[in-house]
Amino acid sequence: MAHHLELDRTRLAEDPLILLVPGLNNSGEQHWQTRWERQLPDCERVDLGMWDDPHRNTWVNKINLAVHRARRPVILVAHSLGCHAVSWWAEYEQPGYGNPVVGALLVAPPDVERENVDERLARFAPTPRRALPFPTFLAASENDQYCSLRTARSLASDWGATFAYAGSIGHINAESGIEDWAFGQLLLAQLLREHRNRHGVGREGETATRRRAAARYTRLPWVQSAERAEQGADL
């Protein structure tokens, strides 16, 4: 039986909706998530509510509602505690691989199981260890005060994610001074390009809808940068 969130296969070739999933206390005006929300086409924030006093299942339900309402492919871009909300959503919902979520960028997940952790983070423990059913990057910083690099690598392994080393930039938030966070944009661009490639966007005979979708993202400078980087790697 098909999962209740699965999309018609013809919808999977269309442009994904980017859903931003912030962490504790939401993402402020100078946070890269907020900047992306202003800059990117088809990008929305999931209003998880209870930002300073999160309830795990409420956050999971809010993500589920946002994914369901999209009625199109979705890429989840989560920061901090939002990463654990995404992992719990996948644990509870168990959607088919790449349907309806076609990719995720998980950034700076905290260690919710460490000793003396903030009780609000501890509500998301224990961490689900099942591999996520969609292509995923997990980006982490070497000097994140909320999670060691070793633990972040372990999470990436458990979740079946590609680990992306982000340097020494703290919790990868507004205080990190990264503004639009170019490295994260490249990771998102790669997820978008992989989705298009899997479903034939850019090939002869594509539909007008798919041509518009591909063109809209291809014009973004950081998508072009990702394409140039990949071409260089092939030389």
C-alpha atoms as a PDB file:
ATOM      1  CA  MET A   1       0.000   0.000   0.000  1.00  0.00           C
ATOM      2  CA  ALA A   2       1.298   3.448  -0.880  1.00  0.00           C
ATOM      3  CA  HIS A   3       2.223   5.764   1.986  1.00  0.00           C
ATOM      4  CA  HIS A   4      -0.367   8.478   2.476  1.00  0.00           C
ATOM      5  CA  LEU A   5       2.184  11.192   1.730  1.00  0.00           C
ATOM      6  CA  GLU A   6       3.450   9.722  -1.519  1.00  0.00           C
ATOM      7  CA  LEU A   7       3.093  11.884  -4.596  1.00  0.00           C
ATOM      8  CA  ASP A   8       1.965  10.950  -8.049  1.00  0.00           C
ATOM      9  CA  ARG A   9       5.129   9.979  -9.922  1.00  0.00           C
ATOM     10  CA  THR A  10       4.585  12.722 -12.490  1.00  0.00           C
ATOM     11  CA  ARG A  11       4.874  15.329  -9.710  1.00  0.00           C
ATOM     12  CA  LEU A  12       8.333  14.160  -8.717  1.00  0.00           C
ATOM     13  CA  ALA A  13       9.909  15.791 -11.769  1.00  0.00           C
ATOM     14  CA  GLU A  14       8.739  19.248 -10.748  1.00  0.00           C
ATOM     15  CA  ASP A  15      10.559  21.895  -8.792  1.00  0.00           C
ATOM     16  CA  PRO A  16      10.957  21.158  -5.041  1.00  0.00           C
ATOM     17  CA  LEU A  17       9.620  23.407  -2.333  1.00  0.00           C
ATOM     18  CA  ILE A  18      12.364  24.275   0.156  1.00  0.00           C
ATOM     19  CA  LEU A  19      11.075  24.034   3.722  1.00  0.00           C
ATOM     20  CA  LEU A  20      13.237  25.685   6.380  1.00  0.00           C
ATOM     21  CA  VAL A  21      13.139  24.011   9.798  1.00  0.00           C
ATOM     22  CA  PRO A  22      14.757  26.267  12.440  1.00  0.00           C
ATOM     23  CA  GLY A  23      15.904  25.164  15.856  1.00  0.00           C
ATOM     24  CA  LEU A  24      15.461  26.412  19.395  1.00  0.00           C
ATOM     25  CA  ASN A  25      14.387  30.095  19.556  1.00  0.00           C
ATOM     26  CA  ASN A  26      13.783  30.208  15.790  1.00  0.00           C
ATOM     27  CA  SER A  27      16.202  31.880  13.339  1.00  0.00           C
ATOM     28  CA  GLY A  28      16.623  35.651  13.636  1.00  0.00           C
ATOM     29  CA  GLU A  29      16.975  38.325  10.979  1.00  0.00           C
ATOM     30  CA  GLN A  30      20.710  37.784  10.444  1.00  0.00           C
ATOM     31  CA  HIS A  31      20.562  33.986  10.422  1.00  0.00           C
ATOM     32  CA  TRP A  32      21.400  32.344   7.087  1.00  0.00           C
ATOM     33  CA  GLN A  33      18.016  30.568   7.093  1.00  0.00           C
ATOM     34  CA  THR A  34      16.218  33.917   7.203  1.00  0.00           C
ATOM     35  CA  ARG A  35      18.461  35.288   4.468  1.00  0.00           C
ATOM     36  CA  TRP A  36      17.719  32.282   2.286  1.00  0.00           C
ATOM     37  CA  GLU A  37      14.008  32.694   2.899  1.00  0.00           C
ATOM     38  CA  ARG A  38      14.253  36.216   1.497  1.00  0.00           C
ATOM     39  CA  GLN A  39      16.460  35.265  -1.460  1.00  0.00           C
ATOM     40  CA  LEU A  40      15.298  31.890  -2.740  1.00  0.00           C
ATOM     41  CA  PRO A  41      12.305  31.123  -4.923  1.00  0.00           C
ATOM     42  CA  ASP A  42       9.891  28.561  -3.505  1.00  0.00           C
ATOM     43  CA  CYS A  43      11.297  28.737   0.019  1.00  0.00           C
ATOM     44  CA  GLU A  44       9.149  28.730   3.148  1.00  0.00           C
ATOM     45  CA  ARG A  45       9.714  28.468   6.899  1.00  0.00           C
ATOM     46  CA  VAL A  46       7.890  25.819   8.893  1.00  0.00           C
ATOM     47  CA  ASP A  47       6.187  27.599  11.801  1.00  0.00           C
ATOM     48  CA  LEU A  48       6.966  25.068  14.501  1.00  0.00           C
ATOM     49  CA  GLY A  49       5.744  27.315  17.312  1.00  0.00           C
ATOM     50  CA  MET A  50       6.758  26.909  20.958  1.00  0.00           C
ATOM     51  CA  TRP A  51      10.145  28.188  19.849  1.00  0.00           C
ATOM     52  CA  ASP A  52      11.607  28.641  23.340  1.00  0.00           C
ATOM     53  CA  ASP A  53       9.855  25.639  24.905  1.00  0.00           C
ATOM     54  CA  PRO A  54       9.688  22.975  22.186  1.00  0.00           C
ATOM     55  CA  HIS A  55       7.529  19.879  22.318  1.00  0.00           C
ATOM     56  CA  ARG A  56       8.937  17.099  20.165  1.00  0.00           C
ATOM     57  CA  ASN A  57       5.740  15.611  18.810  1.00  0.00           C
ATOM     58  CA  THR A  58       4.232  19.036  18.153  1.00  0.00           C
ATOM     59  CA  TRP A  59       7.247  19.972  16.044  1.00  0.00           C
ATOM     60  CA  VAL A  60       7.070  16.643  14.218  1.00  0.00           C
ATOM     61  CA  ASN A  61       3.379  17.202  13.480  1.00  0.00           C
ATOM     62  CA  LYS A  62       4.072  20.714  12.177  1.00  0.00           C
ATOM     63  CA  ILE A  63       6.699  19.345   9.788  1.00  0.00           C
ATOM     64  CA  ASN A  64       4.298  16.628   8.673  1.00  0.00           C
ATOM     65  CA  LEU A  65       1.563  19.180   7.986  1.00  0.00           C
ATOM     66  CA  ALA A  66       3.939  21.418   5.986  1.00  0.00           C
ATOM     67  CA  VAL A  67       5.166  18.478   3.879  1.00  0.00           C
ATOM     68  CA  HIS A  68       1.616  17.276   3.290  1.00  0.00           C
ATOM     69  CA  ARG A  69       0.379  20.730   2.289  1.00  0.00           C
ATOM     70  CA  ALA A  70       3.198  21.194  -0.207  1.00  0.00           C
ATOM     71  CA  ARG A  71       1.703  18.578  -2.575  1.00  0.00           C
ATOM     72  CA  ARG A  72       4.987  18.589  -4.449  1.00  0.00           C
ATOM     73  CA  PRO A  73       8.576  17.447  -3.873  1.00  0.00           C
ATOM     74  CA  VAL A  74      10.192  18.930  -0.761  1.00  0.00           C
ATOM     75  CA  ILE A  75      13.749  19.635   0.348  1.00  0.00           C
ATOM     76  CA  LEU A  76      14.108  20.102   4.112  1.00  0.00           C
ATOM     77  CA  VAL A  77      16.741  22.554   5.352  1.00  0.00           C
ATOM     78  CA  ALA A  78      17.061  22.207   9.112  1.00  0.00           C
ATOM     79  CA  HIS A  79      19.284  23.900  11.675  1.00  0.00           C
ATOM     80  CA  SER A  80      20.243  22.749  15.160  1.00  0.00           C
ATOM     81  CA  LEU A  81      17.319  21.154  17.051  1.00  0.00           C
ATOM     82  CA  GLY A  82      15.320  21.262  13.813  1.00  0.00           C
ATOM     83  CA  CYS A  83      17.585  18.448  12.544  1.00  0.00           C
ATOM     84  CA  HIS A  84      16.344  16.168  15.311  1.00  0.00           C
ATOM     85  CA  ALA A  85      12.752  17.151  14.573  1.00  0.00           C
ATOM     86  CA  VAL A  86      13.344  16.043  10.970  1.00  0.00           C
ATOM     87  CA  SER A  87      14.845  12.733  12.089  1.00  0.00           C
ATOM     88  CA  TRP A  88      11.856  12.076  14.359  1.00  0.00           C
ATOM     89  CA  TRP A  89       9.471  12.987  11.534  1.00  0.00           C
ATOM     90  CA  ALA A  90      11.116  10.366   9.334  1.00  0.00           C
ATOM     91  CA  GLU A  91      11.067   7.861  12.195  1.00  0.00           C
ATOM     92  CA  TYR A  92       7.340   8.268  12.782  1.00  0.00           C
ATOM     93  CA  GLU A  93       6.130   8.727   9.191  1.00  0.00           C
ATOM     94  CA  GLN A  94       8.512   6.357   7.392  1.00  0.00           C
ATOM     95  CA  PRO A  95       7.835   7.792   3.910  1.00  0.00           C
ATOM     96  CA  GLY A  96       9.054   6.059   0.779  1.00  0.00           C
ATOM     97  CA  TYR A  97      12.601   6.813  -0.318  1.00  0.00           C
ATOM     98  CA  GLY A  98      12.743  10.255  -1.931  1.00  0.00           C
ATOM     99  CA  ASN A  99       8.971  10.686  -1.893  1.00  0.00           C
ATOM    100  CA  PRO A 100       7.741  13.258  -1.008  1.00  0.00           C
ATOM    101  CA  VAL A 101      10.984  14.547   0.585  1.00  0.00           C
ATOM    102  CA  VAL A 102      13.648  14.443  -2.128  1.00  0.00           C
ATOM    103  CA  GLY A 103      16.542  15.734  -0.033  1.00  0.00           C
ATOM    104  CA  ALA A 104      17.633  17.336   3.213  1.00  0.00           C
ATOM    105  CA  LEU A 105      20.358  19.638   4.442  1.00  0.00           C
ATOM    106  CA  LEU A 106      20.858  19.147   8.186  1.00  0.00           C
ATOM    107  CA  VAL A 107      23.065  21.770   9.785  1.00  0.00           C
ATOM    108  CA  ALA A 108      24.730  21.728  13.215  1.00  0.00           C
ATOM    109  CA  PRO A 109      22.562  19.158  15.010  1.00  0.00           C
ATOM    110  CA  PRO A 110      23.194  19.386  18.776  1.00  0.00           C
ATOM    111  CA  ASP A 111      24.127  16.369  20.877  1.00  0.00           C
ATOM    112  CA  VAL A 112      20.833  15.846  22.707  1.00  0.00           C
ATOM    113  CA  GLU A 113      22.166  12.844  24.640  1.00  0.00           C
ATOM    114  CA  ARG A 114      25.227  14.401  26.249  1.00  0.00           C
ATOM    115  CA  GLU A 115      25.511  14.833  29.997  1.00  0.00           C
ATOM    116  CA  ASN A 116      23.902  17.962  31.505  1.00  0.00           C
ATOM    117  CA  VAL A 117      22.279  18.918  28.197  1.00  0.00           C
ATOM    118  CA  ASP A 118      19.606  21.635  28.231  1.00  0.00           C
ATOM    119  CA  GLU A 119      16.373  19.893  29.236  1.00  0.00           C
ATOM    120  CA  ARG A 120      14.628  21.360  26.198  1.00  0.00           C
ATOM    121  CA  LEU A 121      17.075  19.531  23.923  1.00  0.00           C
ATOM    122  CA  ALA A 122      16.884  16.380  26.020  1.00  0.00           C
ATOM    123  CA  ARG A 123      13.191  16.089  25.079  1.00  0.00           C
ATOM    124  CA  PHE A 124      14.365  14.987  21.601  1.00  0.00           C
ATOM    125  CA  ALA A 125      16.463  12.133  23.003  1.00  0.00           C
ATOM    126  CA  PRO A 126      17.151   9.350  22.341  1.00  0.00           C
ATOM    127  CA  THR A 127      18.238  10.140  18.816  1.00  0.00           C
ATOM    128  CA  PRO A 128      16.653   7.936  16.122  1.00  0.00           C
ATOM    129  CA  ARG A 129      19.355   5.854  14.452  1.00  0.00           C
ATOM    130  CA  ARG A 130      17.481   4.773  11.336  1.00  0.00           C
ATOM    131  CA  ALA A 131      18.911   5.945   7.976  1.00  0.00           C
ATOM    132  CA  LEU A 132      16.871   8.811   6.567  1.00  0.00           C
ATOM    133  CA  PRO A 133      14.804   7.936   3.481  1.00  0.00           C
ATOM    134  CA  PHE A 134      16.116  10.747   1.307  1.00  0.00           C
ATOM    135  CA  PRO A 135      19.510  12.049   0.102  1.00  0.00           C
ATOM    136  CA  THR A 136      21.005  14.079   2.932  1.00  0.00           C
ATOM    137  CA  PHE A 137      23.967  16.312   3.715  1.00  0.00           C
ATOM    138  CA  LEU A 138      24.896  16.814   7.364  1.00  0.00           C
ATOM    139  CA  ALA A 139      27.058  19.913   7.836  1.00  0.00           C
ATOM    140  CA  ALA A 140      28.950  20.438  11.070  1.00  0.00           C
ATOM    141  CA  SER A 141      31.550  22.802  12.489  1.00  0.00           C
ATOM    142  CA  GLU A 142      34.731  21.802  14.265  1.00  0.00           C
ATOM    143  CA  ASN A 143      34.140  24.098  17.259  1.00  0.00           C
ATOM    144  CA  ASP A 144      30.376  23.846  17.721  1.00  0.00           C
ATOM    145  CA  GLN A 145      29.780  24.164  21.471  1.00  0.00           C
ATOM    146  CA  TYR A 146      26.639  22.023  21.244  1.00  0.00           C
ATOM    147  CA  CYS A 147      28.108  19.011  19.466  1.00  0.00           C
ATOM    148  CA  SER A 148      31.579  17.574  18.926  1.00  0.00           C
ATOM    149  CA  LEU A 149      32.727  16.851  15.398  1.00  0.00           C
ATOM    150  CA  ARG A 150      33.031  13.180  16.330  1.00  0.00           C
ATOM    151  CA  THR A 151      29.386  13.026  17.429  1.00  0.00           C
ATOM    152  CA  ALA A 152      28.282  14.898  14.312  1.00  0.00           C
ATOM    153  CA  ARG A 153      30.092  12.349  12.127  1.00  0.00           C
ATOM    154  CA  SER A 154      28.413   9.552  14.063  1.00  0.00           C
ATOM    155  CA  LEU A 155      24.996  11.126  13.473  1.00  0.00           C
ATOM    156  CA  ALA A 156      25.749  11.431   9.764  1.00  0.00           C
ATOM    157  CA  SER A 157      26.668   7.735   9.655  1.00  0.00           C
ATOM    158  CA  ASP A 158      23.523   6.675  11.528  1.00  0.00           C
ATOM    159  CA  TRP A 159      21.261   8.827   9.361  1.00  0.00           C
ATOM    160  CA  GLY A 160      22.881   7.689   6.109  1.00  0.00           C
ATOM    161  CA  ALA A 161      23.944  11.269   5.388  1.00  0.00           C
ATOM    162  CA  THR A 162      26.961  12.602   3.539  1.00  0.00           C
ATOM    163  CA  PHE A 163      29.096  14.431   6.091  1.00  0.00           C
ATOM    164  CA  ALA A 164      30.114  17.976   5.104  1.00  0.00           C
ATOM    165  CA  TYR A 165      32.866  19.644   7.131  1.00  0.00           C
ATOM    166  CA  ALA A 166      31.977  23.324   7.505  1.00  0.00           C
ATOM    167  CA  GLY A 167      35.199  24.550   9.120  1.00  0.00           C
ATOM    168  CA  SER A 168      35.537  26.243  12.517  1.00  0.00           C
ATOM    169  CA  ILE A 169      32.490  28.522  12.601  1.00  0.00           C
ATOM    170  CA  GLY A 170      30.770  27.684  15.873  1.00  0.00           C
ATOM    171  CA  HIS A 171      27.109  26.692  15.759  1.00  0.00           C
ATOM    172  CA  ILE A 172      26.706  27.796  12.126  1.00  0.00           C
ATOM    173  CA  ASN A 173      24.287  30.571  13.045  1.00  0.00           C
ATOM    174  CA  ALA A 174      24.148  34.368  12.981  1.00  0.00           C
ATOM    175  CA  GLU A 175      26.947  34.587  15.560  1.00  0.00           C
ATOM    176  CA  SER A 176      29.208  32.663  13.165  1.00  0.00           C
ATOM    177  CA  GLY A 177      29.450  35.723  10.894  1.00  0.00           C
ATOM    178  CA  ILE A 178      28.746  33.682   7.763  1.00  0.00           C
ATOM    179  CA  GLU A 179      25.979  35.945   6.397  1.00  0.00           C
ATOM    180  CA  ASP A 180      24.402  34.012   3.471  1.00  0.00           C
ATOM    181  CA  TRP A 181      26.626  30.986   4.212  1.00  0.00           C
ATOM    182  CA  ALA A 182      27.998  30.237   0.756  1.00  0.00           C
ATOM    183  CA  PHE A 183      29.087  26.691   1.632  1.00  0.00           C
ATOM    184  CA  GLY A 184      25.557  25.767   2.669  1.00  0.00           C
ATOM    185  CA  GLN A 185      24.212  27.263  -0.549  1.00  0.00           C
ATOM    186  CA  LEU A 186      26.498  24.974  -2.534  1.00  0.00           C
ATOM    187  CA  LEU A 187      25.211  21.947  -0.625  1.00  0.00           C
ATOM    188  CA  LEU A 188      21.616  22.946  -1.308  1.00  0.00           C
ATOM    189  CA  ALA A 189      22.454  23.561  -4.953  1.00  0.00           C
ATOM    190  CA  GLN A 190      23.837  20.038  -5.164  1.00  0.00           C
ATOM    191  CA  LEU A 191      20.614  18.570  -3.735  1.00  0.00           C
ATOM    192  CA  LEU A 192      18.581  20.553  -6.265  1.00  0.00           C
ATOM    193  CA  ARG A 193      20.772  19.478  -9.162  1.00  0.00           C
ATOM    194  CA  GLU A 194      20.686  15.819  -8.114  1.00  0.00           C
ATOM    195  CA  HIS A 195      16.895  15.940  -7.986  1.00  0.00           C
ATOM    196  CA  ARG A 196      16.728  17.453 -11.454  1.00  0.00           C
ATOM    197  CA  ASN A 197      19.172  14.878 -12.821  1.00  0.00           C
ATOM    198  CA  ARG A 198      17.297  11.943 -11.308  1.00  0.00           C
ATOM    199  CA  HIS A 199      14.086  13.041 -12.989  1.00  0.00           C
ATOM    200  CA  GLY A 200      15.393  14.145 -16.348  1.00  0.00           C
ATOM    201  CA  VAL A 201      15.262  17.923 -16.018  1.00  0.00           C
ATOM    202  CA  GLY A 202      17.467  19.414 -18.706  1.00  0.00           C
ATOM    203  CA  ARG A 203      16.949  16.605 -21.214  1.00  0.00           C
ATOM    204  CA  GLU A 204      15.290  16.861 -24.591  1.00  0.00           C
ATOM    205  CA  GLY A 205      11.527  16.553 -24.435  1.00  0.00           C
ATOM    206  CA  GLU A 206      11.115  17.910 -20.927  1.00  0.00           C
ATOM    207  CA  THR A 207       7.830  19.609 -20.085  1.00  0.00           C
ATOM    208  CA  ALA A 208       7.402  23.363 -19.966  1.00  0.00           C
ATOM    209  CA  THR A 209       6.957  23.155 -16.198  1.00  0.00           C
ATOM    210  CA  ARG A 210      10.276  21.386 -15.782  1.00  0.00           C
ATOM    211  CA  ARG A 211      12.035  23.827 -18.112  1.00  0.00           C
ATOM    212  CA  ARG A 212      10.804  26.759 -16.017  1.00  0.00           C
ATOM    213  CA  ALA A 213      11.840  25.022 -12.798  1.00  0.00           C
ATOM    214  CA  ALA A 214      15.346  24.253 -14.053  1.00  0.00           C
ATOM    215  CA  ALA A 215      15.832  27.737 -15.479  1.00  0.00           C
ATOM    216  CA  ARG A 216      14.753  29.476 -12.281  1.00  0.00           C
ATOM    217  CA  TYR A 217      17.345  27.697 -10.150  1.00  0.00           C
ATOM    218  CA  THR A 218      20.081  27.603 -12.777  1.00  0.00           C
ATOM    219  CA  ARG A 219      20.105  31.414 -12.815  1.00  0.00           C
ATOM    220  CA  LEU A 220      21.063  31.513  -9.131  1.00  0.00           C
ATOM    221  CA  PRO A 221      24.813  32.224  -8.907  1.00  0.00           C
ATOM    222  CA  TRP A 222      25.499  29.553  -6.315  1.00  0.00           C
ATOM    223  CA  VAL A 223      23.919  26.872  -8.503  1.00  0.00           C
ATOM    224  CA  GLN A 224      26.245  27.956 -11.299  1.00  0.00           C
ATOM    225  CA  SER A 225      29.157  27.775  -8.850  1.00  0.00           C
ATOM    226  CA  ALA A 226      28.244  24.193  -7.932  1.00  0.00           C
ATOM    227  CA  GLU A 227      28.071  23.238 -11.593  1.00  0.00           C
ATOM    228  CA  ARG A 228      31.484  24.759 -12.295  1.00  0.00           C
ATOM    229  CA  ALA A 229      32.951  22.943  -9.281  1.00  0.00           C
ATOM    230  CA  GLU A 230      31.593  19.620 -10.498  1.00  0.00           C
ATOM    231  CA  GLN A 231      32.919  20.208 -14.007  1.00  0.00           C
ATOM    232  CA  GLY A 232      36.327  20.972 -12.553  1.00  0.00           C
ATOM    233  CA  ALA A 233      36.262  17.757 -10.531  1.00  0.00           C
ATOM    234  CA  ASP A 234      35.665  15.769 -13.701  1.00  0.00           C
ATOM    235  CA  LEU A 235      38.788  17.074 -15.413  1.00  0.00           C
END
